[in-house]
């Protein structure tokens, strides 16, 4: 989904007012709230915490009961920290919004997931600079219903295809020989990554807001261009 399509949906949602020509900041000025912005800042720039060497969103582990659930899951998975993190760190996007869960479609949920994945990855790098994390966007088919974000730590002994060539936020050029649907010759930035059949796919966002999944072999970094 590009930004103009999102703005069109916002205009439709506020059809009772004159929002023709509104940009994002116009909508914020007309309908936004500084207090709500502060609330949403906790979503876009959350706190993460460590427990028994594993990393979780802070709200996942706020009480002793939360800690007990993690410990029980850890034992159930035969003390496998990777599987335990994956179990607790799968965040379904629509479910974040409770009674307003049905307001967005899969395309909008994926756009929000892409943005959150970038900001969460940056936050994790700041809080845990010596550690490496995988950050993946899951489709409804993979979760059984909703677009989701999955994040977990990567240990060197666990790294296979997830030893990605490109990193979050890195600028890349699409190879000029790539098929036209991959926007050959254009510059974009990495905003997601996943693997399919041991091949790396990157979600590349372009200047007009469109994001496309592109195979690793059809890109090169800006530094080497």
N, C-alpha and C. Protein backbone atom coordinates (compact mmCIF):
# COMPACT_ATOMS: atom_id res chain seq x y z
N UNK A 1 0.84 -1.20 0.00
CA UNK A 1 0.00 0.00 0.00
C UNK A 1 0.87 1.24 0.00
N UNK A 2 0.59 2.20 -0.89
CA UNK A 2 1.35 3.44 -0.87
C UNK A 2 0.63 4.48 0.00
N UNK A 3 1.32 5.58 0.25
CA UNK A 3 0.81 6.57 1.19
C UNK A 3 -0.45 7.25 0.68
N UNK A 4 -0.54 7.47 -0.62
CA UNK A 4 -1.72 8.13 -1.17
C UNK A 4 -2.97 7.27 -1.01
N UNK A 5 -2.81 5.96 -1.15
CA UNK A 5 -3.95 5.06 -0.96
C UNK A 5 -4.42 5.10 0.49
N UNK A 6 -3.46 5.19 1.42
CA UNK A 6 -3.82 5.30 2.83
C UNK A 6 -4.58 6.60 3.09
N UNK A 7 -4.10 7.70 2.52
CA UNK A 7 -4.79 8.99 2.70
C UNK A 7 -6.20 8.94 2.13
N UNK A 8 -6.38 8.24 1.01
CA UNK A 8 -7.72 8.11 0.42
C UNK A 8 -8.67 7.39 1.38
N UNK A 9 -8.16 6.37 2.05
CA UNK A 9 -8.99 5.64 3.01
C UNK A 9 -9.33 6.52 4.21
N UNK A 10 -8.39 7.35 4.63
CA UNK A 10 -8.66 8.27 5.74
C UNK A 10 -9.71 9.30 5.34
N UNK A 11 -9.63 9.79 4.10
CA UNK A 11 -10.64 10.74 3.63
C UNK A 11 -12.03 10.09 3.62
N UNK A 12 -12.09 8.83 3.21
CA UNK A 12 -13.37 8.12 3.20
C UNK A 12 -13.91 7.93 4.61
N UNK A 13 -13.01 7.69 5.56
CA UNK A 13 -13.42 7.49 6.95
C UNK A 13 -13.94 8.78 7.58
N UNK A 14 -13.50 9.92 7.05
CA UNK A 14 -13.93 11.22 7.57
C UNK A 14 -14.73 11.98 6.51
N UNK A 15 -15.60 11.25 5.83
CA UNK A 15 -16.36 11.83 4.71
C UNK A 15 -17.38 12.87 5.16
N UNK A 16 -17.65 12.92 6.47
CA UNK A 16 -18.61 13.90 6.96
C UNK A 16 -18.01 15.31 7.03
N UNK A 17 -16.67 15.42 6.82
CA UNK A 17 -16.01 16.71 6.82
C UNK A 17 -15.32 16.97 5.49
N UNK A 18 -14.81 18.17 5.32
CA UNK A 18 -14.11 18.52 4.08
C UNK A 18 -12.63 18.21 4.25
N UNK A 19 -12.22 17.04 3.76
CA UNK A 19 -10.83 16.62 3.88
C UNK A 19 -10.15 16.53 2.52
N UNK A 20 -10.74 17.10 1.51
CA UNK A 20 -10.15 17.07 0.17
C UNK A 20 -8.77 17.72 0.20
N UNK A 21 -7.78 17.03 -0.35
CA UNK A 21 -6.42 17.56 -0.40
C UNK A 21 -5.64 17.43 0.89
N UNK A 22 -6.23 16.80 1.92
CA UNK A 22 -5.53 16.64 3.20
C UNK A 22 -4.31 15.73 3.04
N UNK A 23 -3.20 16.13 3.64
CA UNK A 23 -2.05 15.24 3.78
C UNK A 23 -2.05 14.68 5.20
N UNK A 24 -1.02 13.90 5.53
CA UNK A 24 -0.99 13.24 6.84
C UNK A 24 -1.04 14.24 7.99
N UNK A 25 -0.26 15.33 7.87
CA UNK A 25 -0.24 16.30 8.95
C UNK A 25 -1.55 17.08 9.06
N UNK A 26 -2.26 17.23 7.95
CA UNK A 26 -3.59 17.84 8.01
C UNK A 26 -4.54 16.98 8.83
N UNK A 27 -4.48 15.65 8.61
CA UNK A 27 -5.33 14.75 9.39
C UNK A 27 -4.96 14.79 10.87
N UNK A 28 -3.65 14.84 11.16
CA UNK A 28 -3.22 14.93 12.55
C UNK A 28 -3.74 16.22 13.19
N UNK A 29 -3.64 17.31 12.45
CA UNK A 29 -4.09 18.60 12.98
C UNK A 29 -5.60 18.60 13.24
N UNK A 30 -6.36 17.99 12.32
CA UNK A 30 -7.82 18.02 12.42
C UNK A 30 -8.38 17.01 13.41
N UNK A 31 -7.76 15.84 13.49
CA UNK A 31 -8.37 14.76 14.27
C UNK A 31 -7.45 14.16 15.34
N UNK A 32 -6.18 14.54 15.34
CA UNK A 32 -5.23 13.92 16.24
C UNK A 32 -5.23 14.49 17.64
N UNK A 33 -4.44 13.88 18.51
CA UNK A 33 -4.32 14.29 19.90
C UNK A 33 -2.89 14.03 20.37
N UNK A 34 -2.30 15.03 21.02
CA UNK A 34 -0.95 14.85 21.56
C UNK A 34 -0.90 13.73 22.58
N UNK A 35 -1.96 13.59 23.37
CA UNK A 35 -1.99 12.52 24.37
C UNK A 35 -2.03 11.15 23.70
N UNK A 36 -2.84 11.03 22.63
CA UNK A 36 -2.89 9.76 21.91
C UNK A 36 -1.56 9.48 21.21
N UNK A 37 -0.91 10.55 20.73
CA UNK A 37 0.40 10.37 20.10
C UNK A 37 1.40 9.81 21.11
N UNK A 38 1.36 10.31 22.33
CA UNK A 38 2.24 9.78 23.37
C UNK A 38 1.92 8.32 23.67
N UNK A 39 0.64 7.99 23.64
CA UNK A 39 0.24 6.60 23.85
C UNK A 39 0.80 5.70 22.75
N UNK A 40 0.64 6.13 21.49
CA UNK A 40 1.11 5.32 20.38
C UNK A 40 2.64 5.27 20.30
N UNK A 41 3.30 6.23 20.92
CA UNK A 41 4.77 6.17 20.94
C UNK A 41 5.25 4.91 21.65
N UNK A 42 4.45 4.39 22.59
CA UNK A 42 4.80 3.15 23.28
C UNK A 42 4.73 1.95 22.34
N UNK A 43 3.94 2.09 21.28
CA UNK A 43 3.85 1.02 20.28
C UNK A 43 5.00 1.10 19.29
N UNK A 44 5.31 2.31 18.85
CA UNK A 44 6.35 2.47 17.83
C UNK A 44 7.76 2.42 18.41
N UNK A 45 7.91 2.76 19.67
CA UNK A 45 9.24 2.77 20.31
C UNK A 45 9.11 2.11 21.70
N UNK A 46 8.85 0.81 21.72
CA UNK A 46 8.51 0.14 22.98
C UNK A 46 9.74 -0.16 23.84
N UNK A 47 9.45 -0.59 25.05
CA UNK A 47 10.49 -1.08 25.94
C UNK A 47 10.60 -2.59 25.79
N UNK A 48 11.81 -3.08 25.78
CA UNK A 48 12.07 -4.51 25.77
C UNK A 48 12.81 -4.87 27.05
N UNK A 49 12.65 -6.11 27.48
CA UNK A 49 13.30 -6.52 28.72
C UNK A 49 13.90 -7.92 28.55
N UNK A 50 14.90 -8.20 29.36
CA UNK A 50 15.58 -9.50 29.32
C UNK A 50 15.15 -10.35 30.50
N UNK A 51 14.92 -11.61 30.26
CA UNK A 51 14.57 -12.56 31.32
C UNK A 51 15.21 -13.90 31.00
N UNK A 52 16.11 -14.32 31.87
CA UNK A 52 16.84 -15.59 31.69
C UNK A 52 17.53 -15.66 30.34
N UNK A 53 18.11 -14.52 29.91
CA UNK A 53 18.86 -14.47 28.67
C UNK A 53 18.00 -14.29 27.44
N UNK A 54 16.67 -14.27 27.60
CA UNK A 54 15.75 -14.10 26.47
C UNK A 54 15.21 -12.67 26.48
N UNK A 55 14.81 -12.18 25.30
CA UNK A 55 14.34 -10.81 25.15
C UNK A 55 12.86 -10.81 24.77
N UNK A 56 12.10 -9.97 25.51
CA UNK A 56 10.65 -9.88 25.28
C UNK A 56 10.22 -8.42 25.32
N UNK A 57 9.05 -8.12 24.73
CA UNK A 57 8.42 -6.84 24.98
C UNK A 57 8.13 -6.72 26.47
N UNK A 58 8.33 -5.53 27.02
CA UNK A 58 8.19 -5.35 28.46
C UNK A 58 6.81 -5.77 28.97
N UNK A 59 5.76 -5.46 28.21
CA UNK A 59 4.42 -5.80 28.68
C UNK A 59 4.15 -7.29 28.68
N UNK A 60 5.02 -8.06 28.04
CA UNK A 60 4.87 -9.52 28.05
C UNK A 60 5.22 -10.10 29.41
N UNK A 61 6.04 -9.39 30.17
CA UNK A 61 6.60 -9.95 31.39
C UNK A 61 6.54 -8.92 32.52
N UNK A 62 5.32 -8.52 32.87
CA UNK A 62 5.12 -7.49 33.89
C UNK A 62 4.87 -8.05 35.29
N UNK A 63 4.40 -9.28 35.39
CA UNK A 63 4.03 -9.84 36.68
C UNK A 63 4.77 -11.16 36.94
N UNK A 64 4.66 -11.64 38.15
CA UNK A 64 5.25 -12.94 38.49
C UNK A 64 4.57 -14.06 37.72
N UNK A 65 3.26 -13.91 37.48
CA UNK A 65 2.55 -14.92 36.68
C UNK A 65 3.09 -14.97 35.26
N UNK A 66 3.43 -13.80 34.70
CA UNK A 66 4.02 -13.76 33.36
C UNK A 66 5.35 -14.52 33.35
N UNK A 67 6.16 -14.28 34.36
CA UNK A 67 7.46 -14.96 34.44
C UNK A 67 7.27 -16.47 34.56
N UNK A 68 6.27 -16.87 35.34
CA UNK A 68 6.01 -18.30 35.52
C UNK A 68 5.60 -18.94 34.20
N UNK A 69 4.76 -18.24 33.41
CA UNK A 69 4.35 -18.77 32.11
C UNK A 69 5.54 -18.96 31.19
N UNK A 70 6.46 -18.00 31.20
CA UNK A 70 7.65 -18.12 30.36
C UNK A 70 8.52 -19.28 30.82
N UNK A 71 8.70 -19.41 32.13
CA UNK A 71 9.51 -20.51 32.66
C UNK A 71 8.89 -21.87 32.32
N UNK A 72 7.58 -21.96 32.41
CA UNK A 72 6.90 -23.23 32.08
C UNK A 72 7.04 -23.56 30.59
N UNK A 73 6.92 -22.53 29.76
CA UNK A 73 7.08 -22.75 28.31
C UNK A 73 8.51 -23.15 28.00
N UNK A 74 9.47 -22.50 28.65
CA UNK A 74 10.88 -22.81 28.47
C UNK A 74 11.16 -24.28 28.80
N UNK A 75 10.58 -24.78 29.89
CA UNK A 75 10.77 -26.18 30.27
C UNK A 75 10.04 -27.10 29.30
N UNK A 76 8.84 -26.66 28.85
CA UNK A 76 8.07 -27.47 27.90
C UNK A 76 8.83 -27.66 26.60
N UNK A 77 9.57 -26.62 26.19
CA UNK A 77 10.37 -26.68 24.96
C UNK A 77 11.78 -27.23 25.23
N UNK A 78 11.92 -27.94 26.34
CA UNK A 78 13.21 -28.57 26.70
C UNK A 78 14.32 -27.54 26.77
N UNK A 79 14.00 -26.40 27.41
CA UNK A 79 14.94 -25.31 27.67
C UNK A 79 15.52 -24.73 26.38
N UNK A 80 14.68 -24.66 25.36
CA UNK A 80 15.06 -24.08 24.07
C UNK A 80 14.64 -22.60 24.08
N UNK A 81 15.61 -21.71 24.25
CA UNK A 81 15.30 -20.28 24.35
C UNK A 81 14.78 -19.72 23.04
N UNK A 82 15.25 -20.23 21.90
CA UNK A 82 14.79 -19.76 20.60
C UNK A 82 13.29 -20.00 20.43
N UNK A 83 12.85 -21.20 20.68
CA UNK A 83 11.42 -21.53 20.53
C UNK A 83 10.57 -20.77 21.55
N UNK A 84 11.12 -20.55 22.73
CA UNK A 84 10.38 -19.81 23.76
C UNK A 84 10.19 -18.36 23.34
N UNK A 85 11.25 -17.73 22.83
CA UNK A 85 11.13 -16.35 22.35
C UNK A 85 10.13 -16.28 21.20
N UNK A 86 10.21 -17.20 20.28
CA UNK A 86 9.29 -17.19 19.13
C UNK A 86 7.84 -17.35 19.58
N UNK A 87 7.63 -18.14 20.62
CA UNK A 87 6.28 -18.36 21.13
C UNK A 87 5.67 -17.07 21.68
N UNK A 88 6.46 -16.31 22.45
CA UNK A 88 5.94 -15.12 23.11
C UNK A 88 6.09 -13.85 22.28
N UNK A 89 6.95 -13.88 21.27
CA UNK A 89 7.25 -12.67 20.50
C UNK A 89 6.60 -12.64 19.13
N UNK A 90 5.51 -13.34 18.98
CA UNK A 90 4.69 -13.23 17.78
C UNK A 90 3.54 -12.28 18.10
N UNK A 91 3.56 -11.11 17.49
CA UNK A 91 2.59 -10.05 17.82
C UNK A 91 1.66 -9.85 16.63
N UNK A 92 0.41 -10.21 16.79
CA UNK A 92 -0.58 -10.06 15.71
C UNK A 92 -1.08 -8.62 15.69
N UNK A 93 -0.98 -7.99 14.53
CA UNK A 93 -1.23 -6.56 14.41
C UNK A 93 -2.68 -6.18 14.70
N UNK A 94 -3.69 -6.76 14.06
CA UNK A 94 -5.07 -6.33 14.32
C UNK A 94 -5.47 -6.46 15.78
N UNK A 95 -4.99 -7.51 16.44
CA UNK A 95 -5.38 -7.77 17.83
C UNK A 95 -4.85 -6.72 18.80
N UNK A 96 -3.93 -5.89 18.36
CA UNK A 96 -3.43 -4.82 19.22
C UNK A 96 -4.52 -3.79 19.52
N UNK A 97 -5.56 -3.75 18.68
CA UNK A 97 -6.53 -2.67 18.75
C UNK A 97 -7.91 -3.08 19.25
N UNK A 98 -7.99 -4.23 19.91
CA UNK A 98 -9.19 -4.60 20.63
C UNK A 98 -10.48 -4.47 19.86
N UNK A 99 -11.38 -3.61 20.35
CA UNK A 99 -12.73 -3.50 19.77
C UNK A 99 -12.70 -2.91 18.36
N UNK A 100 -11.56 -2.30 17.96
CA UNK A 100 -11.47 -1.72 16.61
C UNK A 100 -10.68 -2.64 15.67
N UNK A 101 -10.65 -3.90 16.00
CA UNK A 101 -9.84 -4.88 15.28
C UNK A 101 -10.22 -4.98 13.81
N UNK A 102 -11.47 -4.73 13.46
CA UNK A 102 -11.91 -4.93 12.09
C UNK A 102 -11.80 -3.71 11.20
N UNK A 103 -11.22 -2.63 11.68
CA UNK A 103 -11.19 -1.39 10.90
C UNK A 103 -10.22 -1.44 9.72
N UNK A 104 -9.17 -2.25 9.83
CA UNK A 104 -8.15 -2.30 8.79
C UNK A 104 -8.20 -3.62 8.05
N UNK A 105 -7.70 -3.61 6.80
CA UNK A 105 -7.60 -4.84 6.03
C UNK A 105 -6.17 -5.37 6.09
N UNK A 106 -5.92 -6.50 5.45
CA UNK A 106 -4.60 -7.13 5.51
C UNK A 106 -3.51 -6.22 4.94
N UNK A 107 -3.85 -5.47 3.91
CA UNK A 107 -2.87 -4.59 3.29
C UNK A 107 -2.44 -3.49 4.27
N UNK A 108 -3.41 -2.90 4.97
CA UNK A 108 -3.10 -1.88 5.96
C UNK A 108 -2.34 -2.47 7.14
N UNK A 109 -2.74 -3.67 7.58
CA UNK A 109 -2.05 -4.33 8.68
C UNK A 109 -0.59 -4.60 8.33
N UNK A 110 -0.35 -5.00 7.08
CA UNK A 110 1.02 -5.28 6.66
C UNK A 110 1.85 -4.00 6.62
N UNK A 111 1.26 -2.90 6.16
CA UNK A 111 1.98 -1.63 6.15
C UNK A 111 2.39 -1.23 7.56
N UNK A 112 1.47 -1.36 8.51
CA UNK A 112 1.80 -1.04 9.90
C UNK A 112 2.87 -1.99 10.43
N UNK A 113 2.77 -3.27 10.08
CA UNK A 113 3.78 -4.25 10.51
C UNK A 113 5.16 -3.89 9.98
N UNK A 114 5.22 -3.44 8.74
CA UNK A 114 6.51 -3.06 8.14
C UNK A 114 7.13 -1.88 8.89
N UNK A 115 6.29 -0.90 9.25
CA UNK A 115 6.79 0.27 9.98
C UNK A 115 7.26 -0.14 11.38
N UNK A 116 6.44 -0.94 12.07
CA UNK A 116 6.82 -1.38 13.41
C UNK A 116 8.08 -2.23 13.39
N UNK A 117 8.21 -3.08 12.38
CA UNK A 117 9.40 -3.93 12.28
C UNK A 117 10.67 -3.08 12.20
N UNK A 118 10.60 -1.98 11.45
CA UNK A 118 11.77 -1.10 11.33
C UNK A 118 12.08 -0.39 12.64
N UNK A 119 11.06 0.13 13.30
CA UNK A 119 11.32 0.87 14.54
C UNK A 119 11.72 -0.08 15.67
N UNK A 120 11.10 -1.25 15.73
CA UNK A 120 11.48 -2.22 16.77
C UNK A 120 12.90 -2.72 16.57
N UNK A 121 13.29 -2.96 15.32
CA UNK A 121 14.66 -3.40 15.05
C UNK A 121 15.67 -2.35 15.49
N UNK A 122 15.36 -1.08 15.23
CA UNK A 122 16.25 0.01 15.65
C UNK A 122 16.32 0.08 17.17
N UNK A 123 15.18 -0.06 17.83
CA UNK A 123 15.14 -0.02 19.29
C UNK A 123 15.96 -1.15 19.90
N UNK A 124 15.84 -2.34 19.35
CA UNK A 124 16.59 -3.49 19.87
C UNK A 124 18.09 -3.29 19.69
N UNK A 125 18.50 -2.68 18.59
CA UNK A 125 19.92 -2.42 18.36
C UNK A 125 20.49 -1.46 19.39
N UNK A 126 19.67 -0.49 19.79
CA UNK A 126 20.11 0.48 20.79
C UNK A 126 20.20 -0.15 22.17
N UNK A 127 19.18 -0.93 22.53
CA UNK A 127 19.13 -1.52 23.87
C UNK A 127 20.10 -2.69 24.04
N UNK A 128 20.32 -3.45 22.97
CA UNK A 128 21.15 -4.66 23.04
C UNK A 128 22.14 -4.66 21.88
N UNK A 129 23.12 -3.74 21.91
CA UNK A 129 24.00 -3.54 20.75
C UNK A 129 24.89 -4.74 20.40
N UNK A 130 25.12 -5.64 21.34
CA UNK A 130 26.00 -6.79 21.06
C UNK A 130 25.22 -8.02 20.59
N UNK A 131 23.93 -7.90 20.47
CA UNK A 131 23.11 -9.05 20.08
C UNK A 131 22.51 -8.84 18.69
N UNK A 132 22.14 -9.94 18.08
CA UNK A 132 21.53 -9.89 16.76
C UNK A 132 20.13 -10.48 16.83
N UNK A 133 19.21 -9.87 16.07
CA UNK A 133 17.82 -10.28 16.10
C UNK A 133 17.29 -10.52 14.69
N UNK A 134 16.41 -11.49 14.59
CA UNK A 134 15.62 -11.66 13.38
C UNK A 134 14.29 -10.96 13.60
N UNK A 135 13.83 -10.26 12.59
CA UNK A 135 12.55 -9.56 12.64
C UNK A 135 11.79 -9.92 11.38
N UNK A 136 10.69 -10.63 11.52
CA UNK A 136 9.97 -11.13 10.35
C UNK A 136 8.52 -10.67 10.38
N UNK A 137 7.97 -10.48 9.19
CA UNK A 137 6.55 -10.17 9.05
C UNK A 137 5.86 -11.44 8.55
N UNK A 138 4.86 -11.88 9.27
CA UNK A 138 4.15 -13.11 8.94
C UNK A 138 2.81 -12.79 8.29
N UNK A 139 2.49 -13.50 7.23
CA UNK A 139 1.21 -13.34 6.55
C UNK A 139 0.11 -14.08 7.30
N UNK A 140 -1.16 -13.74 7.07
CA UNK A 140 -2.26 -14.44 7.75
C UNK A 140 -2.22 -15.95 7.54
N UNK A 141 -1.72 -16.39 6.38
CA UNK A 141 -1.63 -17.83 6.12
C UNK A 141 -0.65 -18.51 7.06
N UNK A 142 0.36 -17.76 7.51
CA UNK A 142 1.38 -18.33 8.39
C UNK A 142 0.95 -18.34 9.85
N UNK A 143 0.05 -17.43 10.22
CA UNK A 143 -0.38 -17.33 11.62
C UNK A 143 -1.73 -17.99 11.86
N UNK A 144 -2.45 -18.26 10.78
CA UNK A 144 -3.79 -18.81 10.92
C UNK A 144 -4.87 -17.75 11.01
N UNK A 145 -4.52 -16.48 10.68
CA UNK A 145 -5.58 -15.49 10.70
C UNK A 145 -5.17 -14.04 10.53
N UNK A 146 -4.04 -13.60 11.10
CA UNK A 146 -3.71 -12.19 11.11
C UNK A 146 -2.26 -11.93 10.70
N UNK A 147 -2.03 -10.75 10.11
CA UNK A 147 -0.66 -10.29 9.88
C UNK A 147 0.02 -10.11 11.24
N UNK A 148 1.27 -10.52 11.33
CA UNK A 148 1.97 -10.46 12.62
C UNK A 148 3.45 -10.13 12.43
N UNK A 149 4.06 -9.68 13.51
CA UNK A 149 5.51 -9.51 13.59
C UNK A 149 6.06 -10.60 14.49
N UNK A 150 7.16 -11.18 14.07
CA UNK A 150 7.87 -12.17 14.88
C UNK A 150 9.30 -11.71 15.04
N UNK A 151 9.80 -11.65 16.29
CA UNK A 151 11.22 -11.31 16.50
C UNK A 151 11.83 -12.25 17.52
N UNK A 152 13.12 -12.51 17.35
CA UNK A 152 13.84 -13.38 18.27
C UNK A 152 15.33 -13.18 18.06
N UNK A 153 16.10 -13.61 19.04
CA UNK A 153 17.55 -13.49 18.96
C UNK A 153 18.13 -14.53 18.01
N UNK A 154 19.22 -14.16 17.36
CA UNK A 154 19.95 -15.09 16.50
C UNK A 154 21.32 -15.34 17.11
N UNK A 155 21.59 -16.57 17.44
CA UNK A 155 22.93 -16.96 17.86
C UNK A 155 23.69 -17.46 16.65
N UNK A 156 24.99 -17.30 16.65
CA UNK A 156 25.79 -17.71 15.48
C UNK A 156 25.58 -19.17 15.15
N UNK A 157 25.40 -20.01 16.18
CA UNK A 157 25.21 -21.44 15.93
C UNK A 157 23.87 -21.72 15.26
N UNK A 158 22.93 -20.74 15.34
CA UNK A 158 21.61 -20.93 14.76
C UNK A 158 21.51 -20.33 13.37
N UNK A 159 22.49 -19.55 12.97
CA UNK A 159 22.36 -18.77 11.74
C UNK A 159 22.57 -19.64 10.50
N UNK A 160 21.61 -19.57 9.60
CA UNK A 160 21.70 -20.26 8.32
C UNK A 160 21.42 -19.23 7.24
N UNK A 161 20.26 -19.35 6.61
CA UNK A 161 19.91 -18.36 5.61
C UNK A 161 19.64 -17.00 6.26
N UNK A 162 19.35 -17.00 7.59
CA UNK A 162 19.05 -15.75 8.27
C UNK A 162 20.29 -14.88 8.45
N UNK A 163 21.45 -15.35 7.99
CA UNK A 163 22.64 -14.50 7.93
C UNK A 163 22.50 -13.65 6.67
N UNK A 164 21.58 -12.70 6.75
CA UNK A 164 21.20 -11.94 5.56
C UNK A 164 22.33 -11.03 5.09
N UNK A 165 22.41 -10.84 3.80
CA UNK A 165 23.44 -9.99 3.20
C UNK A 165 23.18 -8.52 3.48
N UNK A 166 21.90 -8.13 3.50
CA UNK A 166 21.52 -6.74 3.72
C UNK A 166 20.83 -6.58 5.07
N UNK A 167 20.86 -5.36 5.60
CA UNK A 167 20.33 -5.10 6.94
C UNK A 167 19.14 -4.16 6.87
N UNK A 168 18.42 -4.07 7.98
CA UNK A 168 17.27 -3.18 8.08
C UNK A 168 17.69 -1.73 7.79
N UNK A 169 16.92 -1.05 6.96
CA UNK A 169 17.18 0.35 6.67
C UNK A 169 18.25 0.59 5.63
N UNK A 170 18.96 -0.46 5.19
CA UNK A 170 20.04 -0.29 4.22
C UNK A 170 19.47 0.08 2.85
N UNK A 171 20.13 1.03 2.18
CA UNK A 171 19.70 1.44 0.85
C UNK A 171 20.29 0.49 -0.20
N UNK A 172 19.44 0.09 -1.13
CA UNK A 172 19.86 -0.85 -2.17
C UNK A 172 19.31 -0.40 -3.52
N UNK A 173 20.02 -0.80 -4.57
CA UNK A 173 19.54 -0.62 -5.94
C UNK A 173 19.01 -1.95 -6.45
N UNK A 174 17.92 -1.88 -7.19
CA UNK A 174 17.41 -3.07 -7.86
C UNK A 174 18.19 -3.23 -9.16
N UNK A 175 18.66 -4.43 -9.42
CA UNK A 175 19.45 -4.70 -10.62
C UNK A 175 18.67 -4.29 -11.87
N UNK A 176 19.39 -3.70 -12.81
CA UNK A 176 18.74 -3.22 -14.05
C UNK A 176 18.21 -4.36 -14.91
N UNK A 177 18.68 -5.58 -14.65
CA UNK A 177 18.20 -6.73 -15.42
C UNK A 177 17.01 -7.42 -14.76
N UNK A 178 16.56 -6.91 -13.61
CA UNK A 178 15.44 -7.52 -12.90
C UNK A 178 14.15 -7.35 -13.69
N UNK A 179 13.19 -8.25 -13.53
CA UNK A 179 11.88 -8.09 -14.19
C UNK A 179 11.24 -6.75 -13.82
N UNK A 180 10.42 -6.23 -14.71
CA UNK A 180 9.88 -4.88 -14.55
C UNK A 180 9.05 -4.71 -13.28
N UNK A 181 8.42 -5.79 -12.80
CA UNK A 181 7.59 -5.66 -11.59
C UNK A 181 8.42 -5.44 -10.33
N UNK A 182 9.76 -5.62 -10.43
CA UNK A 182 10.65 -5.36 -9.29
C UNK A 182 11.24 -3.95 -9.33
N UNK A 183 10.84 -3.14 -10.29
CA UNK A 183 11.29 -1.75 -10.44
C UNK A 183 12.81 -1.66 -10.65
N UNK A 184 13.33 -2.27 -11.71
CA UNK A 184 14.77 -2.30 -11.97
C UNK A 184 15.38 -0.91 -12.06
N UNK A 185 16.60 -0.79 -11.53
CA UNK A 185 17.34 0.46 -11.58
C UNK A 185 16.96 1.48 -10.53
N UNK A 186 15.97 1.17 -9.69
CA UNK A 186 15.50 2.14 -8.71
C UNK A 186 16.12 1.90 -7.33
N UNK A 187 16.17 2.97 -6.55
CA UNK A 187 16.75 2.94 -5.21
C UNK A 187 15.65 2.78 -4.18
N UNK A 188 15.87 1.90 -3.22
CA UNK A 188 14.92 1.71 -2.12
C UNK A 188 15.66 1.36 -0.84
N UNK A 189 14.92 1.14 0.22
CA UNK A 189 15.54 0.77 1.50
C UNK A 189 14.88 -0.48 2.05
N UNK A 190 15.68 -1.31 2.71
CA UNK A 190 15.20 -2.57 3.26
C UNK A 190 14.30 -2.31 4.46
N UNK A 191 13.08 -2.85 4.41
CA UNK A 191 12.18 -2.68 5.56
C UNK A 191 11.59 -4.02 6.03
N UNK A 192 12.11 -5.11 5.51
CA UNK A 192 11.66 -6.42 5.95
C UNK A 192 12.45 -7.51 5.26
N UNK A 193 12.44 -8.69 5.85
CA UNK A 193 13.16 -9.82 5.26
C UNK A 193 12.55 -11.11 5.75
N UNK A 194 12.60 -12.12 4.90
CA UNK A 194 12.16 -13.45 5.28
C UNK A 194 12.81 -14.46 4.36
N UNK A 195 12.63 -15.73 4.68
CA UNK A 195 13.22 -16.77 3.86
C UNK A 195 12.15 -17.72 3.36
N UNK A 196 12.30 -18.17 2.11
CA UNK A 196 11.41 -19.17 1.53
C UNK A 196 12.28 -20.20 0.81
N UNK A 197 12.15 -21.45 1.24
CA UNK A 197 12.93 -22.54 0.63
C UNK A 197 14.41 -22.20 0.57
N UNK A 198 14.93 -21.66 1.69
CA UNK A 198 16.35 -21.33 1.85
C UNK A 198 16.82 -20.22 0.92
N UNK A 199 15.89 -19.40 0.46
CA UNK A 199 16.24 -18.23 -0.34
C UNK A 199 15.75 -16.98 0.39
N UNK A 200 16.60 -15.95 0.43
CA UNK A 200 16.26 -14.72 1.14
C UNK A 200 15.44 -13.78 0.26
N UNK A 201 14.36 -13.27 0.83
CA UNK A 201 13.54 -12.25 0.18
C UNK A 201 13.56 -11.00 1.05
N UNK A 202 13.68 -9.84 0.42
CA UNK A 202 13.71 -8.57 1.14
C UNK A 202 12.52 -7.72 0.73
N UNK A 203 11.91 -7.09 1.71
CA UNK A 203 10.88 -6.11 1.42
C UNK A 203 11.58 -4.76 1.25
N UNK A 204 11.46 -4.20 0.06
CA UNK A 204 12.15 -2.95 -0.29
C UNK A 204 11.12 -1.85 -0.46
N UNK A 205 11.29 -0.76 0.30
CA UNK A 205 10.38 0.38 0.20
C UNK A 205 11.00 1.46 -0.68
N UNK A 206 10.19 1.96 -1.62
CA UNK A 206 10.66 2.99 -2.55
C UNK A 206 10.16 4.38 -2.11
N UNK A 207 10.64 5.41 -2.78
CA UNK A 207 10.38 6.79 -2.35
C UNK A 207 8.90 7.16 -2.40
N UNK A 208 8.11 6.46 -3.22
CA UNK A 208 6.68 6.77 -3.31
C UNK A 208 5.85 6.00 -2.29
N UNK A 209 6.52 5.24 -1.39
CA UNK A 209 5.83 4.50 -0.35
C UNK A 209 5.50 3.07 -0.69
N UNK A 210 5.65 2.68 -1.96
CA UNK A 210 5.37 1.30 -2.35
C UNK A 210 6.48 0.38 -1.86
N UNK A 211 6.11 -0.79 -1.38
CA UNK A 211 7.08 -1.78 -0.91
C UNK A 211 6.88 -3.08 -1.67
N UNK A 212 7.98 -3.68 -2.13
CA UNK A 212 7.93 -4.89 -2.95
C UNK A 212 8.94 -5.90 -2.41
N UNK A 213 8.54 -7.17 -2.38
CA UNK A 213 9.48 -8.23 -2.00
C UNK A 213 10.37 -8.57 -3.19
N UNK A 214 11.69 -8.56 -2.97
CA UNK A 214 12.65 -8.77 -4.05
C UNK A 214 13.70 -9.79 -3.60
N UNK A 215 14.03 -10.76 -4.44
CA UNK A 215 15.08 -11.73 -4.10
C UNK A 215 16.44 -11.06 -3.93
N UNK A 216 17.26 -11.62 -3.07
CA UNK A 216 18.56 -11.04 -2.74
C UNK A 216 19.45 -10.89 -3.97
N UNK A 217 19.39 -11.83 -4.91
CA UNK A 217 20.30 -11.80 -6.06
C UNK A 217 19.94 -10.73 -7.09
N UNK A 218 18.82 -10.02 -6.88
CA UNK A 218 18.41 -8.96 -7.80
C UNK A 218 18.68 -7.57 -7.25
N UNK A 219 19.54 -7.50 -6.20
CA UNK A 219 19.83 -6.21 -5.58
C UNK A 219 21.32 -6.03 -5.37
N UNK A 220 21.74 -4.80 -5.21
CA UNK A 220 23.09 -4.50 -4.78
C UNK A 220 23.05 -3.29 -3.86
N UNK A 221 23.99 -3.21 -2.93
CA UNK A 221 23.97 -2.14 -1.95
C UNK A 221 24.38 -0.82 -2.57
N UNK A 222 23.94 0.26 -1.97
CA UNK A 222 24.26 1.60 -2.45
C UNK A 222 25.78 1.83 -2.40
N UNK A 223 26.43 1.23 -1.40
CA UNK A 223 27.89 1.45 -1.23
C UNK A 223 28.69 0.90 -2.39
N UNK A 224 28.18 -0.19 -3.00
CA UNK A 224 28.94 -0.83 -4.08
C UNK A 224 28.50 -0.37 -5.45
N UNK A 225 27.47 0.49 -5.48
CA UNK A 225 26.94 0.93 -6.78
C UNK A 225 27.91 1.89 -7.44
